[in-house]
Amino acid sequence: MDFIKDCGVMVEPQEGMAVEELLEVAAFAEKTGFGYFFRSDHILPTTRTKGLDSPECWTTLGAIAARTRKIKFGPMVSPIGFRNPALLARMACTVNSLAHGRLQLGVGAGWYEDEYLAHGIVFPDVKNRLRQFRESLSIIRPLTQTGRVDFDGKFFSAHLESLPKLKERIHLIIGGRAASAVRNTVDFGDEWNYFSAVPDDFDRLKVTLDASGRHLVVSRMGSFVIAGNASQLKTRLRREMRKKRVSKDEDAYARDLRKSGWLVATEGDFPESVNKLRERGVERFYFQTWETKDRDHLGLLARTLKGM
């Protein structure tokens, strides 16, 4: 089995991606052999750039379900504060039915205050967001696993059956780098996803997951730069520096990116970087790209992963 089936492409449509471009890159990811495709769930550009197209997440997930046939896909991750959890679960069941069981439901507590306030959504403090998140999981988990929930909490309540009727359980991904995300995964989830750099307490968090008695997937989402050789890698890094208006030596910039969690390597060295994380217990890799029109970059990544 190709390792690429355990890997996915992750995109950020809120930064000006048109809906048709989103669908095209999802189809490209499927065609090149990736097992997964994810998109962010943001309703404003997180770069705070004005005037960019920011297509709403769940509307486009329905379109991805219709455009693709094999690839598993979903939000990475849907903030609980955007939607009532019972409604979110119903939306997930609908998309999953359309996709014949391919939806991967990623959820998180939310962090970007500006997009909440711009849409008139209350943005609680961290303590209450985490409390709301845990209550939401008490609703979402049963609705997407068994098809029925009866729950009353401080923030949310729900008493209903899933519609459409569940034909299969929906894979639930919980995103976050904190210990609370791991505890929530143990109690409610199927997969723990962390972003970019390995958390300082990763090994301890992994022990918590392993002690659950269930197989809980560990996945990583983060950016990358790959090139055929050292010269081509420097060219790609210079392009990245121009885009971000960074002025420094390419090698120094590569070190900075790696320190922040980017995977930066030539085609020959890239597998070693990935395998070091696999040895620590990471099973799935979701490669974040901000340059979705650069299919050569994604294509090289796909060929490298297929060879592992």
Protein backbone atom coordinates (compact mmCIF):
# COMPACT_ATOMS: atom_id res chain seq x y z
CA MET A 1 0.00 0.00 0.00
CA ASP A 2 1.40 3.41 -0.98
CA PHE A 3 2.28 5.69 1.89
CA ILE A 4 0.61 8.52 -0.03
CA LYS A 5 -2.75 7.00 0.94
CA ASP A 6 -1.96 8.10 4.52
CA CYS A 7 -1.24 11.64 3.33
CA GLY A 8 -3.40 14.56 2.30
CA VAL A 9 -3.42 18.04 0.82
CA MET A 10 -4.58 20.92 3.03
CA VAL A 11 -5.62 24.28 1.53
CA GLU A 12 -6.65 27.70 2.86
CA PRO A 13 -9.47 28.99 0.61
CA GLN A 14 -10.12 32.05 2.80
CA GLU A 15 -7.02 33.64 1.27
CA GLY A 16 -8.66 34.38 -2.08
CA MET A 17 -9.34 30.96 -3.62
CA ALA A 18 -12.28 30.79 -6.00
CA VAL A 19 -14.67 27.86 -5.56
CA GLU A 20 -13.78 26.34 -8.94
CA GLU A 21 -10.07 26.44 -8.07
CA LEU A 22 -10.83 24.66 -4.81
CA LEU A 23 -12.68 21.91 -6.66
CA GLU A 24 -9.87 21.60 -9.21
CA VAL A 25 -7.17 21.12 -6.57
CA ALA A 26 -9.34 18.55 -4.75
CA ALA A 27 -9.70 16.62 -8.01
CA PHE A 28 -5.94 16.96 -8.63
CA ALA A 29 -5.17 15.57 -5.16
CA GLU A 30 -7.41 12.58 -5.86
CA LYS A 31 -5.90 12.00 -9.32
CA THR A 32 -2.31 12.09 -8.01
CA GLY A 33 -3.03 9.47 -5.34
CA PHE A 34 -3.45 11.36 -2.07
CA GLY A 35 -5.77 9.67 0.38
CA TYR A 36 -7.11 12.88 1.94
CA PHE A 37 -8.06 16.43 1.09
CA PHE A 38 -8.81 19.11 3.69
CA ARG A 39 -9.74 22.75 3.65
CA SER A 40 -9.74 25.29 6.46
CA ASP A 41 -13.00 26.55 7.94
CA HIS A 42 -12.48 30.32 8.13
CA ILE A 43 -14.96 32.97 7.11
CA LEU A 44 -12.42 35.80 6.84
CA PRO A 45 -8.82 35.83 5.58
CA THR A 46 -6.56 34.96 8.52
CA THR A 47 -3.87 37.19 6.98
CA ARG A 48 -6.27 40.11 7.55
CA THR A 49 -5.97 41.02 3.85
CA LYS A 50 -8.99 42.96 2.66
CA GLY A 51 -11.15 42.09 -0.34
CA LEU A 52 -10.21 38.42 -0.78
CA ASP A 53 -12.67 35.75 -1.84
CA SER A 54 -13.38 33.50 1.17
CA PRO A 55 -15.81 30.72 0.15
CA GLU A 56 -17.75 29.23 3.07
CA CYS A 57 -16.50 25.81 4.11
CA TRP A 58 -19.48 23.48 4.34
CA THR A 59 -21.11 24.68 1.14
CA THR A 60 -17.92 23.78 -0.72
CA LEU A 61 -17.59 20.42 1.06
CA GLY A 62 -20.86 19.41 -0.58
CA ALA A 63 -19.40 20.42 -3.94
CA ILE A 64 -16.21 18.43 -3.24
CA ALA A 65 -18.35 15.39 -2.39
CA ALA A 66 -20.01 15.65 -5.79
CA ARG A 67 -16.80 16.40 -7.75
CA THR A 68 -14.63 13.57 -6.31
CA ARG A 69 -15.12 9.81 -6.04
CA LYS A 70 -12.48 8.19 -3.80
CA ILE A 71 -10.57 10.73 -1.74
CA LYS A 72 -11.56 11.28 1.89
CA PHE A 73 -12.09 14.94 2.76
CA GLY A 74 -13.32 17.40 5.33
CA PRO A 75 -12.73 20.59 7.34
CA MET A 76 -9.43 21.11 9.14
CA VAL A 77 -10.98 22.16 11.45
CA SER A 78 -14.52 23.54 11.95
CA PRO A 79 -14.67 25.95 14.91
CA ILE A 80 -17.54 25.02 17.18
CA GLY A 81 -18.53 28.66 17.68
CA PHE A 82 -19.65 29.12 14.06
CA ARG A 83 -22.54 26.64 14.21
CA ASN A 84 -24.81 24.99 16.74
CA PRO A 85 -23.24 21.53 17.37
CA ALA A 86 -26.44 19.58 16.66
CA LEU A 87 -26.81 21.45 13.35
CA LEU A 88 -23.12 20.87 12.53
CA ALA A 89 -23.61 17.14 13.12
CA ARG A 90 -26.68 17.15 10.83
CA MET A 91 -24.64 18.96 8.16
CA ALA A 92 -21.87 16.38 8.53
CA CYS A 93 -24.33 13.50 8.18
CA THR A 94 -25.74 15.10 5.02
CA VAL A 95 -22.35 15.61 3.37
CA ASN A 96 -21.22 12.14 4.43
CA SER A 97 -24.30 10.62 2.83
CA LEU A 98 -23.60 12.52 -0.39
CA ALA A 99 -19.96 11.35 -0.28
CA HIS A 100 -20.81 7.71 0.49
CA GLY A 101 -18.91 7.69 3.78
CA ARG A 102 -15.81 9.71 2.84
CA LEU A 103 -16.25 12.70 5.17
CA GLN A 104 -13.60 13.29 7.84
CA LEU A 105 -15.09 15.61 10.47
CA GLY A 106 -12.41 17.85 11.97
CA VAL A 107 -13.48 20.12 14.82
CA GLY A 108 -11.79 22.62 17.14
CA ALA A 109 -12.51 25.29 19.72
CA GLY A 110 -11.78 28.27 17.42
CA TRP A 111 -9.18 31.01 17.79
CA TYR A 112 -9.61 33.88 15.29
CA GLU A 113 -11.63 36.53 17.12
CA ASP A 114 -11.97 38.96 14.20
CA GLU A 115 -14.06 36.61 12.05
CA TYR A 116 -16.42 35.90 14.95
CA LEU A 117 -17.03 39.57 15.70
CA ALA A 118 -17.36 40.57 12.03
CA HIS A 119 -20.25 38.10 11.68
CA GLY A 120 -21.91 39.02 14.97
CA ILE A 121 -20.84 35.77 16.68
CA VAL A 122 -19.93 35.90 20.37
CA PHE A 123 -16.26 35.06 21.03
CA PRO A 124 -15.95 33.76 24.62
CA ASP A 125 -12.72 33.66 26.59
CA VAL A 126 -10.51 30.58 26.34
CA LYS A 127 -11.94 28.89 29.43
CA ASN A 128 -15.52 29.11 28.17
CA ARG A 129 -14.59 28.21 24.59
CA LEU A 130 -13.05 25.00 25.88
CA ARG A 131 -16.12 24.26 28.00
CA GLN A 132 -18.38 24.87 25.02
CA PHE A 133 -16.18 22.67 22.87
CA ARG A 134 -16.43 19.74 25.25
CA GLU A 135 -20.21 20.08 25.46
CA SER A 136 -20.35 20.22 21.66
CA LEU A 137 -18.43 16.96 21.43
CA SER A 138 -20.99 15.38 23.76
CA ILE A 139 -23.56 16.14 21.06
CA ILE A 140 -21.54 15.65 17.88
CA ARG A 141 -20.03 12.30 18.84
CA PRO A 142 -23.25 10.36 19.36
CA LEU A 143 -25.03 11.98 16.41
CA THR A 144 -22.21 10.99 14.05
CA GLN A 145 -21.48 7.60 15.64
CA THR A 146 -24.73 6.05 16.85
CA GLY A 147 -27.33 8.36 15.30
CA ARG A 148 -29.02 9.54 18.51
CA VAL A 149 -28.29 12.09 21.26
CA ASP A 150 -29.92 13.16 24.51
CA PHE A 151 -27.86 15.83 26.19
CA ASP A 152 -28.42 18.90 28.37
CA GLY A 153 -25.50 21.15 29.25
CA LYS A 154 -24.78 24.67 30.38
CA PHE A 155 -24.27 25.97 26.83
CA PHE A 156 -25.95 23.44 24.53
CA SER A 157 -28.66 20.80 24.53
CA ALA A 158 -29.90 18.34 21.93
CA HIS A 159 -32.51 15.57 21.80
CA LEU A 160 -32.80 14.10 18.31
CA GLU A 161 -31.80 11.46 15.79
CA SER A 162 -29.34 11.96 12.96
CA LEU A 163 -30.86 12.71 9.58
CA PRO A 164 -30.05 11.45 7.01
CA LYS A 165 -29.88 8.12 8.83
CA LEU A 166 -26.33 6.97 9.49
CA LYS A 167 -25.07 4.14 7.30
CA GLU A 168 -21.58 4.29 8.81
CA ARG A 169 -19.83 6.11 11.65
CA ILE A 170 -18.20 9.42 10.75
CA HIS A 171 -14.49 9.68 11.51
CA LEU A 172 -14.04 12.46 14.09
CA ILE A 173 -10.78 14.46 14.17
CA ILE A 174 -10.01 16.78 17.09
CA GLY A 175 -7.44 19.47 16.41
CA GLY A 176 -5.19 21.24 18.90
CA ARG A 177 -1.77 21.21 20.51
CA ALA A 178 -2.89 21.36 24.15
CA ALA A 179 -3.37 18.46 26.56
CA SER A 180 -7.10 19.23 26.57
CA ALA A 181 -7.28 18.36 22.86
CA VAL A 182 -5.76 14.95 23.60
CA ARG A 183 -8.14 14.34 26.52
CA ASN A 184 -11.07 15.22 24.28
CA THR A 185 -9.75 12.84 21.62
CA VAL A 186 -9.57 10.03 24.17
CA ASP A 187 -13.13 10.72 25.33
CA PHE A 188 -14.79 11.52 22.00
CA GLY A 189 -12.55 11.33 18.94
CA ASP A 190 -10.94 8.95 16.48
CA GLU A 191 -7.92 11.07 15.56
CA TRP A 192 -5.77 13.76 17.18
CA ASN A 193 -4.32 16.33 14.79
CA TYR A 194 -1.64 18.84 15.72
CA PHE A 195 -0.37 21.73 13.64
CA SER A 196 3.18 22.19 12.38
CA ALA A 197 5.99 21.88 14.96
CA VAL A 198 5.96 18.84 17.24
CA PRO A 199 4.50 19.84 20.63
CA ASP A 200 7.10 19.93 23.42
CA ASP A 201 5.13 17.34 25.38
CA PHE A 202 4.31 15.16 22.36
CA ASP A 203 5.64 11.93 23.86
CA ARG A 204 3.60 12.37 27.04
CA LEU A 205 0.48 13.21 25.03
CA LYS A 206 1.06 10.15 22.86
CA VAL A 207 1.20 7.97 26.00
CA THR A 208 -2.19 9.37 27.03
CA LEU A 209 -3.63 8.37 23.66
CA ASP A 210 -2.06 4.92 23.75
CA ALA A 211 -3.48 4.27 27.23
CA SER A 212 -7.05 4.80 25.99
CA GLY A 213 -7.50 1.19 24.95
CA ARG A 214 -8.61 2.30 21.46
CA HIS A 215 -6.52 2.90 18.37
CA LEU A 216 -6.50 6.67 18.06
CA VAL A 217 -4.81 8.06 14.97
CA VAL A 218 -2.13 10.74 15.36
CA SER A 219 -1.85 13.14 12.43
CA ARG A 220 0.14 16.24 11.60
CA MET A 221 -0.81 19.22 9.44
CA GLY A 222 1.85 21.64 8.27
CA SER A 223 3.52 23.49 5.41
CA PHE A 224 6.36 22.22 3.24
CA VAL A 225 8.90 23.10 0.56
CA ILE A 226 10.28 20.36 -1.67
CA ALA A 227 12.52 20.53 -4.74
CA GLY A 228 14.47 18.17 -6.96
CA ASN A 229 17.92 19.33 -5.84
CA ALA A 230 19.67 21.88 -3.61
CA SER A 231 19.77 24.59 -6.29
CA GLN A 232 16.07 24.24 -7.04
CA LEU A 233 15.30 24.27 -3.31
CA LYS A 234 17.08 27.61 -2.93
CA THR A 235 15.08 28.97 -5.87
CA ARG A 236 11.83 27.96 -4.18
CA LEU A 237 12.98 29.46 -0.89
CA ARG A 238 13.84 32.77 -2.60
CA ARG A 239 10.36 32.81 -4.11
CA GLU A 240 8.88 32.25 -0.67
CA MET A 241 11.03 35.03 0.81
CA ARG A 242 9.99 37.51 -1.88
CA LYS A 243 6.36 36.73 -1.23
CA LYS A 244 6.79 37.36 2.50
CA ARG A 245 9.27 40.23 2.02
CA VAL A 246 11.99 38.42 3.96
CA SER A 247 15.60 39.38 3.36
CA LYS A 248 18.16 36.83 4.50
CA ASP A 249 20.29 33.91 3.35
CA GLU A 250 18.32 30.98 1.93
CA ASP A 251 19.94 28.49 4.30
CA ALA A 252 19.09 30.67 7.30
CA TYR A 253 15.52 31.01 6.08
CA ALA A 254 15.25 27.23 5.64
CA ARG A 255 16.43 26.77 9.23
CA ASP A 256 13.80 29.24 10.44
CA LEU A 257 11.06 27.42 8.55
CA ARG A 258 12.13 24.03 9.91
CA LYS A 259 12.23 25.41 13.43
CA SER A 260 8.61 26.58 13.05
CA GLY A 261 7.57 23.14 11.82
CA TRP A 262 7.83 23.33 8.02
CA LEU A 263 9.21 20.29 6.20
CA VAL A 264 11.90 21.73 3.92
CA ALA A 265 14.11 19.37 1.92
CA THR A 266 15.18 18.13 -1.47
CA GLU A 267 13.35 15.21 -3.03
CA GLY A 268 16.09 12.88 -1.81
CA ASP A 269 16.07 14.11 1.79
CA PHE A 270 12.33 14.68 2.23
CA PRO A 271 11.52 11.05 3.19
CA GLU A 272 13.98 11.20 6.07
CA SER A 273 12.22 14.26 7.51
CA VAL A 274 8.85 12.52 7.28
CA ASN A 275 10.13 9.21 8.63
CA LYS A 276 11.54 10.84 11.76
CA LEU A 277 7.98 11.91 12.61
CA ARG A 278 6.60 8.50 11.71
CA GLU A 279 9.05 6.91 14.13
CA ARG A 280 7.67 9.11 16.91
CA GLY A 281 4.14 7.90 16.21
CA VAL A 282 2.66 10.22 13.57
CA GLU A 283 0.55 8.08 11.21
CA ARG A 284 -1.00 10.58 8.81
CA PHE A 285 0.41 13.72 7.21
CA TYR A 286 -1.64 16.56 5.79
CA PHE A 287 0.53 18.89 3.71
CA GLN A 288 -0.59 22.50 3.82
CA THR A 289 -0.11 24.49 0.62
CA TRP A 290 -0.78 28.17 0.04
CA GLU A 291 0.12 27.95 -3.67
CA THR A 292 -2.62 25.74 -5.09
CA LYS A 293 -1.91 26.80 -8.68
CA ASP A 294 1.62 25.38 -8.38
CA ARG A 295 0.74 21.81 -9.39
CA ASP A 296 4.41 20.99 -10.08
CA HIS A 297 5.15 21.42 -6.37
CA LEU A 298 2.24 19.18 -5.35
CA GLY A 299 3.12 16.71 -8.10
CA LEU A 300 6.71 16.37 -6.87
CA LEU A 301 5.44 15.87 -3.33
CA ALA A 302 3.09 13.13 -4.56
CA ARG A 303 5.86 11.32 -6.46
CA THR A 304 8.16 11.47 -3.44
CA LEU A 305 5.52 10.10 -1.08
CA LYS A 306 4.69 7.29 -3.50
CA GLY A 307 8.31 6.21 -3.41
CA MET A 308 8.42 5.88 0.38
